[in-house]
């Protein structure tokens, strides 16, 4: 009876069982190999190579594993290499290809010198071609390629540079009650300014009371409206200190406005720690904790020394002066330049998830599809007022952008000030339409690039292009995912149908046999 069953359902059962077995099996299969590359001590080439390395003073550290990452790591956790040549590096994260930085040159030069020293004893005319490196939990692994033009021999040298033990450099107590004075410059854009104040009053000030606000407004037809918005939003907070400074000038300059706000007369009343901000930037309250933690006031030593020398003299003054000079040279002064998370165009992003555009405060989340890290922006910064003046302050630039980069570069030139540059997950740049009208300006190209990258990700812009040219309905396409665990009930249903089909065929065969039997009788 079974021999006469159709082969189709049986094959379906077999395929389903095999697929389930492969799906459930999650083990790893070790690879095996032989020859000199497998590390077999009995191999002739391995023995010769080992003897040659011992003659050159090379010792193998057997405590290091042969391969990273470990087999227990997943595919997404793999520690990929960065490829580089003499000037350019290529990596899978961030920018695809870029020039080597000064720090990368210093790191790779030491590795290339060590490999060169080892190879010159074997091939005197060897020269560096290219290489790769990656950071591991215990250090840096290098693979460097060299070629000897005279003998036409190519060599690959693998190096490992261990990390030293962790050392504590210093410990500083952070006063989280330090007043942070937010300095904002503005002209027009009253609606954006009202959104900034509403978010500040509802979502920040109830959780951090040690804040103040300085607004520098360039005169235009909306001056009285901006003043009224400020007064109406902040009048319900009697303990909150704020200052509205109108300027007679109509030619907007962000650098000049922030400079005026940083040196206002009642600076001690408003706070010595400054946060240069824009009305397009919203934050969570915990940002100001990092603003205080990542800054350190400096340059007060020279003023204390002046007061000390007015009251003391002789050997004590000389000792104190030498101590102050040593402390001044130490990099204890810090300024904080957070990397802001810039949000994409919400009218483009949320329809792709089949969602309505939520309120502004619900958009403030770090997500791959909602925005990107604004690494090219240096406009947001935390620093103490005295350190700002020591740097030279903002230049008076009347075109779009440039003043933030200039101040950042001025700080980099000061050897006794440490610049902290890091992504901050609580600082968000809201999307807004950008007009790049001045084609003759030196910042016109930078304005266009900034406008292009803030619209959406490569995937979102590509989908929008398909919708524009092909008329494809893409509403909710990013929220429709195909998960593999859906295959389990599907395969179970397929197995049940196959078994039911086989059972039905068996019953039909039995009935047909009975019918033929009765007909014969």
Protein backbone atom coordinates (compact mmCIF):
# COMPACT_ATOMS: atom_id res chain seq x y z
CA UNK A 1 0.00 0.00 0.00
CA UNK A 2 2.78 2.41 0.91
CA UNK A 3 4.58 1.69 -2.34
CA UNK A 4 1.66 3.09 -4.30
CA UNK A 5 1.56 6.42 -2.43
CA UNK A 6 2.58 9.44 -4.42
CA UNK A 7 6.16 10.58 -4.00
CA UNK A 8 5.34 14.34 -3.73
CA UNK A 9 4.03 14.43 -0.14
CA UNK A 10 6.82 12.13 1.03
CA UNK A 11 9.45 14.40 -0.47
CA UNK A 12 7.76 17.35 1.20
CA UNK A 13 7.94 15.62 4.57
CA UNK A 14 11.62 14.79 4.09
CA UNK A 15 12.52 18.36 2.98
CA UNK A 16 10.56 19.86 5.89
CA UNK A 17 12.32 17.59 8.39
CA UNK A 18 15.75 18.47 6.95
CA UNK A 19 14.98 22.17 7.03
CA UNK A 20 13.79 21.99 10.64
CA UNK A 21 16.94 20.13 11.61
CA UNK A 22 19.19 22.73 9.98
CA UNK A 23 17.16 25.55 11.48
CA UNK A 24 17.27 24.20 15.02
CA UNK A 25 20.94 23.20 14.91
CA UNK A 26 22.98 26.13 16.21
CA UNK A 27 26.35 24.53 16.87
CA UNK A 28 29.62 25.52 15.25
CA UNK A 29 31.79 23.14 13.26
CA UNK A 30 35.53 23.55 13.72
CA UNK A 31 37.61 23.69 10.60
CA UNK A 32 40.52 21.33 10.24
CA UNK A 33 43.51 21.71 8.02
CA UNK A 34 46.97 20.44 7.47
CA UNK A 35 50.26 21.57 6.06
CA UNK A 36 52.58 24.30 7.24
CA UNK A 37 49.77 26.85 7.80
CA UNK A 38 48.07 24.60 10.36
CA UNK A 39 50.90 24.99 12.84
CA UNK A 40 52.02 21.38 12.71
CA UNK A 41 55.43 21.21 14.50
CA UNK A 42 56.39 18.18 12.42
CA UNK A 43 56.12 20.17 9.19
CA UNK A 44 59.47 20.88 7.60
CA UNK A 45 58.60 24.43 6.56
CA UNK A 46 57.22 25.18 10.00
CA UNK A 47 60.40 23.94 11.67
CA UNK A 48 62.62 25.93 9.33
CA UNK A 49 60.58 29.06 9.87
CA UNK A 50 60.60 28.61 13.64
CA UNK A 51 64.38 28.14 13.68
CA UNK A 52 64.83 31.20 11.48
CA UNK A 53 62.68 33.29 13.80
CA UNK A 54 64.63 32.12 16.86
CA UNK A 55 67.89 33.09 15.15
CA UNK A 56 66.54 36.61 14.63
CA UNK A 57 65.45 36.96 18.25
CA UNK A 58 61.75 36.47 17.57
CA UNK A 59 59.75 34.69 20.27
CA UNK A 60 56.22 33.43 19.82
CA UNK A 61 53.74 34.17 22.62
CA UNK A 62 51.70 30.97 22.83
CA UNK A 63 49.27 32.56 25.28
CA UNK A 64 47.73 34.61 22.47
CA UNK A 65 44.94 32.90 20.53
CA UNK A 66 45.56 32.11 16.89
CA UNK A 67 42.55 33.95 15.58
CA UNK A 68 40.21 36.74 16.58
CA UNK A 69 37.31 37.07 17.07
CA UNK A 70 36.59 34.05 19.24
CA UNK A 71 34.20 31.41 17.83
CA UNK A 72 31.60 32.36 20.46
CA UNK A 73 31.14 35.80 18.87
CA UNK A 74 28.38 36.35 16.36
CA UNK A 75 28.79 37.52 12.79
CA UNK A 76 27.74 41.07 13.66
CA UNK A 77 30.32 41.25 16.46
CA UNK A 78 33.26 40.42 14.21
CA UNK A 79 36.26 42.70 14.71
CA UNK A 80 36.99 43.69 11.14
CA UNK A 81 40.33 45.10 10.00
CA UNK A 82 41.02 48.56 8.65
CA UNK A 83 43.01 48.50 5.43
CA UNK A 84 45.59 51.21 4.84
CA UNK A 85 48.46 52.16 2.58
CA UNK A 86 50.96 54.98 2.89
CA UNK A 87 48.34 57.76 3.03
CA UNK A 88 44.75 56.41 2.93
CA UNK A 89 42.72 54.13 5.21
CA UNK A 90 39.55 52.20 4.36
CA UNK A 91 37.09 51.03 7.00
CA UNK A 92 33.59 49.55 7.21
CA UNK A 93 32.29 52.02 9.79
CA UNK A 94 31.89 55.73 9.16
CA UNK A 95 33.61 57.18 6.11
CA UNK A 96 34.48 54.59 3.45
CA UNK A 97 37.91 56.01 2.70
CA UNK A 98 39.88 58.93 4.09
CA UNK A 99 43.38 60.21 4.69
CA UNK A 100 45.28 58.88 7.69
CA UNK A 101 45.19 61.23 10.64
CA UNK A 102 48.28 62.41 12.49
CA UNK A 103 47.58 60.01 15.37
CA UNK A 104 47.09 57.06 13.02
CA UNK A 105 50.40 57.86 11.33
CA UNK A 106 52.14 57.76 14.73
CA UNK A 107 50.46 54.46 15.65
CA UNK A 108 51.20 52.72 12.35
CA UNK A 109 54.74 54.06 12.01
CA UNK A 110 55.91 52.19 15.12
CA UNK A 111 54.45 48.94 13.77
CA UNK A 112 56.00 49.44 10.33
CA UNK A 113 59.41 50.17 11.89
CA UNK A 114 59.25 46.95 13.94
CA UNK A 115 58.33 44.90 10.87
CA UNK A 116 60.99 46.63 8.79
CA UNK A 117 63.66 45.86 11.39
CA UNK A 118 62.65 42.20 11.36
CA UNK A 119 62.51 41.84 7.56
CA UNK A 120 65.69 43.71 6.65
CA UNK A 121 67.72 40.85 8.13
CA UNK A 122 66.03 38.49 5.64
CA UNK A 123 65.41 40.81 2.68
CA UNK A 124 67.51 44.00 2.86
CA UNK A 125 65.65 45.80 0.02
CA UNK A 126 62.15 45.22 1.31
CA UNK A 127 59.62 48.10 1.19
CA UNK A 128 56.17 48.61 2.71
CA UNK A 129 53.21 48.09 0.35
CA UNK A 130 50.02 48.04 2.42
CA UNK A 131 48.58 46.65 5.61
CA UNK A 132 45.64 46.27 7.91
CA UNK A 133 45.03 46.64 11.62
CA UNK A 134 42.26 46.25 14.17
CA UNK A 135 41.71 47.01 17.84
CA UNK A 136 41.28 43.99 20.10
CA UNK A 137 40.45 43.77 23.81
CA UNK A 138 44.13 43.22 24.67
CA UNK A 139 45.82 45.45 22.10
CA UNK A 140 46.28 46.09 18.39
CA UNK A 141 46.82 43.43 15.72
CA UNK A 142 48.66 44.34 12.49
CA UNK A 143 49.17 42.52 9.19
CA UNK A 144 51.72 44.35 7.05
CA UNK A 145 52.66 43.50 3.46
CA UNK A 146 56.25 44.12 2.25
CA UNK A 147 57.92 43.45 -1.07
CA UNK A 148 61.58 43.08 -2.00
CA UNK A 149 61.93 44.39 -5.55
CA UNK A 150 65.40 42.89 -5.99
CA UNK A 151 64.41 39.32 -5.17
CA UNK A 152 60.69 39.74 -6.02
CA UNK A 153 59.72 38.28 -2.62
CA UNK A 154 56.50 39.35 -0.89
CA UNK A 155 56.26 38.97 2.89
CA UNK A 156 53.42 39.38 5.34
CA UNK A 157 54.36 40.27 8.91
CA UNK A 158 51.84 39.84 11.73
CA UNK A 159 52.41 41.94 14.84
CA UNK A 160 50.56 42.34 18.11
CA UNK A 161 50.98 45.34 20.39
CA UNK A 162 49.74 44.69 23.91
CA UNK A 163 47.95 47.31 25.94
CA UNK A 164 49.56 48.37 29.17
CA UNK A 165 47.86 48.16 32.53
CA UNK A 166 45.28 50.86 33.22
CA UNK A 167 46.63 53.85 35.14
CA UNK A 168 44.65 56.50 37.00
CA UNK A 169 45.86 59.95 35.95
CA UNK A 170 43.71 62.15 38.16
CA UNK A 171 40.39 62.33 39.98
CA UNK A 172 38.31 65.52 40.04
CA UNK A 173 35.20 66.14 42.12
CA UNK A 174 32.42 67.52 39.93
CA UNK A 175 30.06 70.12 41.39
CA UNK A 176 26.71 69.35 39.78
CA UNK A 177 25.27 72.54 41.32
CA UNK A 178 27.39 74.73 39.05
CA UNK A 179 25.09 77.08 37.15
CA UNK A 180 25.21 76.52 33.35
CA UNK A 181 24.42 79.65 31.36
CA UNK A 182 22.89 78.80 27.97
CA UNK A 183 23.86 81.46 25.43
CA UNK A 184 21.64 81.69 22.33
CA UNK A 185 21.79 84.17 19.47
CA UNK A 186 18.77 84.78 17.27
CA UNK A 187 17.19 86.78 14.48
CA UNK A 188 13.64 85.99 13.44
CA UNK A 189 12.55 82.33 13.64
CA UNK A 190 10.28 83.12 16.58
CA UNK A 191 8.28 79.89 16.14
CA UNK A 192 11.46 77.78 16.53
CA UNK A 193 12.44 79.91 19.50
CA UNK A 194 9.05 79.31 21.15
CA UNK A 195 9.48 75.55 20.67
CA UNK A 196 12.93 75.76 22.29
CA UNK A 197 11.55 77.62 25.32
CA UNK A 198 8.55 75.28 25.71
CA UNK A 199 10.83 72.24 25.72
CA UNK A 200 13.16 73.94 28.19
CA UNK A 201 10.35 74.80 30.59
CA UNK A 202 8.52 71.45 30.42
CA UNK A 203 11.28 68.86 30.00
CA UNK A 204 14.54 70.33 31.34
CA UNK A 205 14.09 72.94 34.09
CA UNK A 206 11.93 70.72 36.34
CA UNK A 207 14.86 68.27 36.59
CA UNK A 208 17.79 70.71 36.71
CA UNK A 209 17.40 73.98 38.60
CA UNK A 210 20.98 75.19 38.14
CA UNK A 211 20.49 76.72 34.71
CA UNK A 212 20.21 80.22 33.25
CA UNK A 213 19.53 81.64 29.77
CA UNK A 214 21.04 84.52 27.81
CA UNK A 215 19.39 85.48 24.51
CA UNK A 216 21.12 87.90 22.13
CA UNK A 217 18.67 89.16 19.49
CA UNK A 218 19.66 90.98 16.30
CA UNK A 219 17.16 93.73 15.59
CA UNK A 220 14.40 93.09 13.03
CA UNK A 221 10.62 93.38 12.74
CA UNK A 222 10.09 90.44 15.12
CA UNK A 223 12.06 91.89 18.06
CA UNK A 224 9.02 92.77 20.17
CA UNK A 225 7.41 89.39 19.45
CA UNK A 226 10.55 87.54 20.51
CA UNK A 227 10.75 89.60 23.70
CA UNK A 228 7.09 88.86 24.47
CA UNK A 229 7.57 85.11 23.85
CA UNK A 230 10.52 85.09 26.25
CA UNK A 231 8.65 86.94 28.98
CA UNK A 232 5.47 84.86 28.67
CA UNK A 233 7.28 81.51 28.70
CA UNK A 234 9.66 82.28 31.59
CA UNK A 235 7.53 84.54 33.80
CA UNK A 236 6.11 81.50 35.60
CA UNK A 237 9.62 80.59 36.84
CA UNK A 238 10.57 83.24 39.42
CA UNK A 239 13.82 81.47 40.40
CA UNK A 240 15.06 81.03 36.84
CA UNK A 241 17.60 83.67 35.78
CA UNK A 242 17.40 84.91 32.19
CA UNK A 243 18.54 87.88 30.16
CA UNK A 244 17.27 89.21 26.82
CA UNK A 245 19.83 91.44 25.04
CA UNK A 246 18.57 93.32 21.94
CA UNK A 247 21.19 94.58 19.50
CA UNK A 248 20.85 97.59 17.26
CA UNK A 249 22.59 95.70 14.45
CA UNK A 250 20.54 94.07 11.70
CA UNK A 251 23.38 92.15 10.04
CA UNK A 252 23.26 88.76 11.76
CA UNK A 253 26.51 87.21 13.01
CA UNK A 254 26.27 84.16 15.26
CA UNK A 255 29.85 84.52 16.45
CA UNK A 256 29.39 88.17 17.43
CA UNK A 257 26.09 87.44 19.18
CA UNK A 258 27.57 84.61 21.25
CA UNK A 259 30.60 86.74 22.08
CA UNK A 260 28.37 89.52 23.42
CA UNK A 261 26.35 87.02 25.44
CA UNK A 262 29.52 85.50 26.90
CA UNK A 263 30.82 88.82 28.29
CA UNK A 264 27.65 90.37 29.67
CA UNK A 265 28.00 92.52 32.77
CA UNK A 266 26.07 90.31 35.22
CA UNK A 267 28.16 87.23 34.37
CA UNK A 268 28.53 86.06 37.97
CA UNK A 269 24.80 86.33 38.47
CA UNK A 270 24.13 84.21 35.35
CA UNK A 271 26.93 81.67 35.87
CA UNK A 272 30.53 81.17 34.80
CA UNK A 273 30.00 77.92 32.89
CA UNK A 274 28.77 78.68 29.36
CA UNK A 275 26.87 76.46 26.95
CA UNK A 276 26.77 77.90 23.43
CA UNK A 277 23.55 76.65 21.90
CA UNK A 278 21.08 77.17 19.02
CA UNK A 279 17.29 77.26 19.07
CA UNK A 280 17.36 74.28 16.68
CA UNK A 281 18.99 72.13 19.38
CA UNK A 282 16.94 70.44 22.10
CA UNK A 283 18.33 68.39 24.94
CA UNK A 284 17.45 66.04 27.76
CA UNK A 285 18.17 67.25 31.27
CA UNK A 286 21.03 64.80 31.84
CA UNK A 287 23.09 66.59 29.16
CA UNK A 288 23.97 69.36 31.61
CA UNK A 289 25.42 66.80 34.00
CA UNK A 290 27.94 65.88 31.26
CA UNK A 291 28.45 69.56 30.50
CA UNK A 292 29.65 70.05 34.08
CA UNK A 293 31.58 66.76 34.23
CA UNK A 294 33.52 67.27 30.99
CA UNK A 295 34.68 70.83 31.71
CA UNK A 296 37.38 72.05 34.07
CA UNK A 297 38.07 75.67 34.89
CA UNK A 298 41.63 76.86 34.29
CA UNK A 299 43.81 79.95 34.00
CA UNK A 300 42.86 81.08 37.48
CA UNK A 301 46.36 80.23 38.70
CA UNK A 302 47.96 83.30 37.10
CA UNK A 303 45.45 85.63 38.77
CA UNK A 304 45.96 83.96 42.16
CA UNK A 305 49.69 84.33 41.68
CA UNK A 306 49.27 88.08 41.05
CA UNK A 307 47.31 88.53 44.28
CA UNK A 308 49.83 86.39 46.16
CA UNK A 309 52.84 88.45 45.02
CA UNK A 310 51.13 91.62 46.18
CA UNK A 311 51.10 90.37 49.76
CA UNK A 312 54.17 88.12 49.91
CA UNK A 313 57.74 88.45 48.81
CA UNK A 314 61.01 86.59 48.88
CA UNK A 315 61.53 82.85 48.70
CA UNK A 316 57.87 81.95 49.33
CA UNK A 317 56.81 83.97 46.31
CA UNK A 318 59.39 82.24 44.11
CA UNK A 319 58.26 78.79 45.26
CA UNK A 320 54.64 79.63 44.66
CA UNK A 321 55.41 81.04 41.23
CA UNK A 322 57.24 77.84 40.21
CA UNK A 323 54.36 75.72 41.49
CA UNK A 324 51.84 77.76 39.53
CA UNK A 325 53.94 77.44 36.36
CA UNK A 326 54.00 73.64 36.71
CA UNK A 327 50.26 73.45 37.35
CA UNK A 328 49.54 75.73 34.43
CA UNK A 329 51.41 73.42 32.05
CA UNK A 330 49.35 70.40 33.10
CA UNK A 331 46.37 69.64 30.80
CA UNK A 332 43.75 69.99 33.56
CA UNK A 333 41.70 72.67 31.82
CA UNK A 334 38.92 71.09 29.76
CA UNK A 335 36.29 72.27 27.29
CA UNK A 336 33.47 70.06 26.02
CA UNK A 337 32.48 69.87 22.34
CA UNK A 338 29.62 67.33 22.17
CA UNK A 339 28.76 65.68 18.86
CA UNK A 340 25.06 66.40 18.28
CA UNK A 341 22.61 63.81 16.93
CA UNK A 342 20.96 65.42 13.92
CA UNK A 343 17.39 64.33 13.11
CA UNK A 344 16.31 63.58 9.54
CA UNK A 345 13.30 65.14 7.85
CA UNK A 346 10.38 63.70 9.89
CA UNK A 347 8.00 64.03 6.92
CA UNK A 348 10.24 61.60 5.06
CA UNK A 349 11.16 59.18 7.86
CA UNK A 350 7.89 58.45 9.68
CA UNK A 351 5.69 57.73 6.61
CA UNK A 352 8.17 55.00 5.66
CA UNK A 353 7.29 53.38 9.00
CA UNK A 354 3.57 53.97 8.39
CA UNK A 355 3.50 56.39 11.33
CA UNK A 356 2.28 59.91 11.81
CA UNK A 357 4.86 62.56 12.64
CA UNK A 358 4.93 62.67 16.48
CA UNK A 359 5.41 65.80 18.63
CA UNK A 360 8.92 67.21 18.82
CA UNK A 361 9.69 65.89 22.30
CA UNK A 362 8.85 62.33 21.16
CA UNK A 363 11.32 62.54 18.28
CA UNK A 364 14.34 62.95 20.57
CA UNK A 365 15.83 59.46 20.39
CA UNK A 366 19.04 58.09 18.90
CA UNK A 367 18.16 55.62 16.16
CA UNK A 368 19.78 54.58 12.90
CA UNK A 369 16.71 55.47 10.86
CA UNK A 370 15.90 58.75 12.61
CA UNK A 371 19.17 60.67 12.26
CA UNK A 372 22.96 60.71 12.22
CA UNK A 373 25.84 62.05 14.29
CA UNK A 374 26.66 65.58 13.16
CA UNK A 375 30.44 65.14 13.20
CA UNK A 376 31.01 68.20 11.02
CA UNK A 377 29.32 70.58 13.49
CA UNK A 378 31.19 72.36 16.29
CA UNK A 379 28.59 74.96 17.26
CA UNK A 380 27.55 73.37 20.58
CA UNK A 381 30.20 73.80 23.27
CA UNK A 382 30.56 73.93 27.07
CA UNK A 383 33.38 75.97 28.60
CA UNK A 384 34.12 78.38 31.42
CA UNK A 385 34.01 82.07 30.62
CA UNK A 386 37.68 82.74 31.41
CA UNK A 387 38.83 79.88 29.17
CA UNK A 388 36.68 81.27 26.36
CA UNK A 389 38.41 84.66 26.63
CA UNK A 390 41.86 83.05 26.75
CA UNK A 391 41.15 81.28 23.44
CA UNK A 392 40.44 84.59 21.70
CA UNK A 393 36.69 84.14 21.38
CA UNK A 394 34.50 83.82 18.30
CA UNK A 395 35.60 85.63 15.15
CA UNK A 396 33.16 88.13 13.64
CA UNK A 397 32.05 86.15 10.55
CA UNK A 398 29.04 87.54 8.67
CA UNK A 399 28.46 84.58 6.34
CA UNK A 400 26.87 81.17 7.05
CA UNK A 401 28.96 79.03 9.40
CA UNK A 402 32.68 79.00 10.06
CA UNK A 403 32.81 80.73 13.44
CA UNK A 404 32.39 77.46 15.39
CA UNK A 405 35.25 75.71 13.56
CA UNK A 406 37.50 78.76 14.09
CA UNK A 407 36.97 78.72 17.86
CA UNK A 408 37.51 74.95 17.98
CA UNK A 409 40.83 75.29 16.15
CA UNK A 410 41.89 78.06 18.53
CA UNK A 411 41.41 75.72 21.47
CA UNK A 412 43.41 72.98 19.74
CA UNK A 413 46.38 75.33 19.50
CA UNK A 414 46.44 75.86 23.28
CA UNK A 415 48.63 73.16 24.78
CA UNK A 416 47.27 73.47 28.33
CA UNK A 417 43.59 73.01 27.39
CA UNK A 418 42.15 69.56 26.74
CA UNK A 419 39.29 69.41 24.24
CA UNK A 420 36.71 66.69 24.91
CA UNK A 421 34.98 65.64 21.69
CA UNK A 422 32.41 62.84 22.03
CA UNK A 423 28.88 61.91 20.89
CA UNK A 424 26.20 62.99 23.36
CA UNK A 425 22.98 60.92 23.22
CA UNK A 426 20.97 63.68 24.92
CA UNK A 427 21.61 66.51 22.45
CA UNK A 428 19.49 66.71 19.27
CA UNK A 429 19.55 69.00 16.27
CA UNK A 430 16.03 69.40 14.88
CA UNK A 431 15.45 69.21 11.18
CA UNK A 432 14.75 72.52 9.48
CA UNK A 433 14.68 73.72 5.91
CA UNK A 434 17.98 75.29 4.90
CA UNK A 435 18.32 77.99 2.23
CA UNK A 436 21.64 78.19 0.39
CA UNK A 437 21.10 81.29 -1.74
CA UNK A 438 24.48 83.02 -1.82
CA UNK A 439 26.22 81.11 -4.62
CA UNK A 440 29.25 83.38 -4.46
CA UNK A 441 29.92 82.69 -0.78
CA UNK A 442 32.87 80.54 0.29
CA UNK A 443 30.49 78.49 2.47
CA UNK A 444 27.97 77.82 -0.32
CA UNK A 445 29.25 74.29 -1.02
CA UNK A 446 29.32 73.43 2.71
CA UNK A 447 25.74 74.70 3.02
CA UNK A 448 24.59 72.46 0.15
CA UNK A 449 26.31 69.41 1.64
CA UNK A 450 24.75 70.05 5.04
CA UNK A 451 21.35 70.43 3.42
CA UNK A 452 21.72 67.15 1.50
CA UNK A 453 22.85 64.90 4.37
CA UNK A 454 20.16 66.12 6.78
CA UNK A 455 17.22 65.04 4.60
CA UNK A 456 17.47 61.31 5.21
CA UNK A 457 19.63 58.20 5.13
CA UNK A 458 20.84 56.61 1.90
CA UNK A 459 18.12 53.95 2.17
CA UNK A 460 15.36 56.50 2.78
CA UNK A 461 16.46 58.76 -0.04
CA UNK A 462 16.73 55.76 -2.39
CA UNK A 463 13.21 54.62 -1.52
CA UNK A 464 11.91 58.13 -2.07
CA UNK A 465 13.60 58.17 -5.47
CA UNK A 466 11.85 54.90 -6.39
CA UNK A 467 8.54 56.37 -5.33
CA UNK A 468 9.20 59.50 -7.40
CA UNK A 469 10.24 57.73 -10.61
CA UNK A 470 8.26 54.47 -10.43
CA UNK A 471 5.25 55.49 -8.37
CA UNK A 472 5.82 52.65 -5.90
CA UNK A 473 3.75 52.81 -2.72
CA UNK A 474 6.32 52.76 0.09
CA UNK A 475 4.14 53.66 3.06
CA UNK A 476 5.28 51.53 6.00
CA UNK A 477 7.92 49.65 3.99
CA UNK A 478 10.52 49.95 6.77
CA UNK A 479 8.16 48.48 9.37
CA UNK A 480 7.40 45.38 7.28
CA UNK A 481 10.05 42.85 8.17
CA UNK A 482 10.33 39.16 7.30
CA UNK A 483 11.54 37.23 10.33
CA UNK A 484 12.84 33.71 9.99
CA UNK A 485 10.95 32.42 12.99
CA UNK A 486 7.80 32.75 10.88
CA UNK A 487 9.10 29.73 8.98
CA UNK A 488 8.58 27.47 12.01
CA UNK A 489 4.74 27.56 12.02
CA UNK A 490 4.79 27.51 8.21
CA UNK A 491 6.90 24.36 8.16
CA UNK A 492 4.74 22.84 10.88
CA UNK A 493 1.66 23.50 8.77
CA UNK A 494 3.40 22.02 5.73
CA UNK A 495 4.28 18.90 7.73
CA UNK A 496 0.73 18.55 9.02
CA UNK A 497 -0.71 18.90 5.51
CA UNK A 498 1.74 16.32 4.18
CA UNK A 499 0.86 13.82 6.89
CA UNK A 500 -2.85 14.42 6.38
CA UNK A 501 -2.42 13.91 2.63
CA UNK A 502 -0.58 10.64 3.18
CA UNK A 503 -3.24 9.48 5.62
CA UNK A 504 -6.00 10.36 3.15
CA UNK A 505 -4.25 8.51 0.36
CA UNK A 506 -3.80 5.47 2.59
CA UNK A 507 -7.52 5.44 3.46
CA UNK A 508 -8.49 5.82 -0.20
CA UNK A 509 -6.20 2.96 -1.21
CA UNK A 510 -7.71 0.77 1.49
CA UNK A 511 -11.25 1.60 0.36
CA UNK A 512 -10.39 0.94 -3.28
CA UNK A 513 -8.95 -2.41 -2.35
CA UNK A 514 -12.12 -3.28 -0.38
CA UNK A 515 -14.32 -2.21 -3.31
CA UNK A 516 -12.39 -4.36 -5.76
CA UNK A 517 -12.55 -7.28 -3.33
CA UNK A 518 -16.36 -7.06 -3.01
CA UNK A 519 -16.71 -6.73 -6.78
CA UNK A 520 -14.60 -9.86 -7.25
CA UNK A 521 -16.71 -11.76 -4.73
